[in-house]
Amino acid sequence: MKSQKHNEGELKEVAVKIEKQVALDLELMSKNTGMPVADIVVIALKRFRASHLDYLKQVPVTE
């Protein structure tokens, strides 16, 4: 997973306020993996988005 490209294409900056410990954990994860914080955040958000398509009103059709 670390070798995959996660944050490609046109980028847009998003500013958010998050709990201090979450921010510190992201920094530590970045240091331990060598992955940029932005890539870790994008991976987490893409996983969240995939699990909550209902928030986008895009529920997949199941048979």
C-alpha atoms as a PDB file:
ATOM      1  CA  MET A   1       0.000   0.000   0.000  1.00  0.00           C
ATOM      2  CA  LYS A   2       2.854   2.404   0.733  1.00  0.00           C
ATOM      3  CA  SER A   3       4.038   2.146  -2.872  1.00  0.00           C
ATOM      4  CA  GLN A   4       0.625   3.074  -4.319  1.00  0.00           C
ATOM      5  CA  LYS A   5      -0.188   6.606  -5.428  1.00  0.00           C
ATOM      6  CA  HIS A   6      -3.077   7.897  -3.342  1.00  0.00           C
ATOM      7  CA  ASN A   7      -3.244  11.628  -3.897  1.00  0.00           C
ATOM      8  CA  GLU A   8      -3.078  12.176  -7.651  1.00  0.00           C
ATOM      9  CA  GLY A   9      -4.873  14.386 -10.104  1.00  0.00           C
ATOM     10  CA  GLU A  10      -6.088  17.884  -9.412  1.00  0.00           C
ATOM     11  CA  LEU A  11      -5.698  18.709  -5.734  1.00  0.00           C
ATOM     12  CA  LYS A  12      -7.749  21.008  -3.549  1.00  0.00           C
ATOM     13  CA  GLU A  13      -6.725  22.147  -0.106  1.00  0.00           C
ATOM     14  CA  VAL A  14      -9.163  21.544   2.734  1.00  0.00           C
ATOM     15  CA  ALA A  15      -8.614  23.049   6.165  1.00  0.00           C
ATOM     16  CA  VAL A  16     -10.149  21.221   9.124  1.00  0.00           C
ATOM     17  CA  LYS A  17      -9.820  21.356  12.867  1.00  0.00           C
ATOM     18  CA  ILE A  18      -9.259  17.945  14.447  1.00  0.00           C
ATOM     19  CA  GLU A  19      -8.467  16.696  17.909  1.00  0.00           C
ATOM     20  CA  LYS A  20      -4.863  17.371  18.889  1.00  0.00           C
ATOM     21  CA  GLN A  21      -4.150  13.695  19.612  1.00  0.00           C
ATOM     22  CA  VAL A  22      -5.418  12.674  16.173  1.00  0.00           C
ATOM     23  CA  ALA A  23      -3.085  15.232  14.577  1.00  0.00           C
ATOM     24  CA  LEU A  24      -0.163  13.989  16.671  1.00  0.00           C
ATOM     25  CA  ASP A  25      -0.971  10.397  15.721  1.00  0.00           C
ATOM     26  CA  LEU A  26      -1.020  11.344  12.026  1.00  0.00           C
ATOM     27  CA  GLU A  27       2.410  12.950  12.381  1.00  0.00           C
ATOM     28  CA  LEU A  28       3.758   9.851  14.132  1.00  0.00           C
ATOM     29  CA  MET A  29       2.243   7.547  11.499  1.00  0.00           C
ATOM     30  CA  SER A  30       3.868   9.685   8.803  1.00  0.00           C
ATOM     31  CA  LYS A  31       7.239   9.529  10.529  1.00  0.00           C
ATOM     32  CA  ASN A  32       7.021   5.760  11.065  1.00  0.00           C
ATOM     33  CA  THR A  33       5.938   4.946   7.504  1.00  0.00           C
ATOM     34  CA  GLY A  34       7.658   7.647   5.481  1.00  0.00           C
ATOM     35  CA  MET A  35       4.285   8.505   3.941  1.00  0.00           C
ATOM     36  CA  PRO A  36       3.171  12.136   3.834  1.00  0.00           C
ATOM     37  CA  VAL A  37       0.371  13.048   6.243  1.00  0.00           C
ATOM     38  CA  ALA A  38      -1.741  14.074   3.241  1.00  0.00           C
ATOM     39  CA  ASP A  39      -1.516  10.556   1.773  1.00  0.00           C
ATOM     40  CA  ILE A  40      -2.523   8.951   5.077  1.00  0.00           C
ATOM     41  CA  VAL A  41      -5.500  11.292   5.354  1.00  0.00           C
ATOM     42  CA  VAL A  42      -6.573  10.608   1.753  1.00  0.00           C
ATOM     43  CA  ILE A  43      -6.395   6.845   2.311  1.00  0.00           C
ATOM     44  CA  ALA A  44      -8.530   7.145   5.453  1.00  0.00           C
ATOM     45  CA  LEU A  45     -11.080   9.418   3.775  1.00  0.00           C
ATOM     46  CA  LYS A  46     -11.364   7.199   0.688  1.00  0.00           C
ATOM     47  CA  ARG A  47     -12.020   4.201   2.932  1.00  0.00           C
ATOM     48  CA  PHE A  48     -14.629   6.164   4.890  1.00  0.00           C
ATOM     49  CA  ARG A  49     -16.260   7.345   1.660  1.00  0.00           C
ATOM     50  CA  ALA A  50     -16.388   3.773   0.320  1.00  0.00           C
ATOM     51  CA  SER A  51     -18.094   2.620   3.509  1.00  0.00           C
ATOM     52  CA  HIS A  52     -20.617   5.471   3.547  1.00  0.00           C
ATOM     53  CA  LEU A  53     -21.856   5.874  -0.005  1.00  0.00           C
ATOM     54  CA  ASP A  54     -25.229   6.593   1.546  1.00  0.00           C
ATOM     55  CA  TYR A  55     -23.833   9.994   2.610  1.00  0.00           C
ATOM     56  CA  LEU A  56     -23.347  10.700  -1.100  1.00  0.00           C
ATOM     57  CA  LYS A  57     -26.735   9.185  -1.925  1.00  0.00           C
ATOM     58  CA  GLN A  58     -24.886   6.627  -4.064  1.00  0.00           C
ATOM     59  CA  VAL A  59     -25.870   3.292  -2.577  1.00  0.00           C
ATOM     60  CA  PRO A  60     -24.680   0.420  -4.820  1.00  0.00           C
ATOM     61  CA  VAL A  61     -27.273  -1.879  -6.361  1.00  0.00           C
ATOM     62  CA  THR A  62     -27.138  -5.376  -4.863  1.00  0.00           C
ATOM     63  CA  GLU A  63     -28.617  -8.505  -6.356  1.00  0.00           C
END
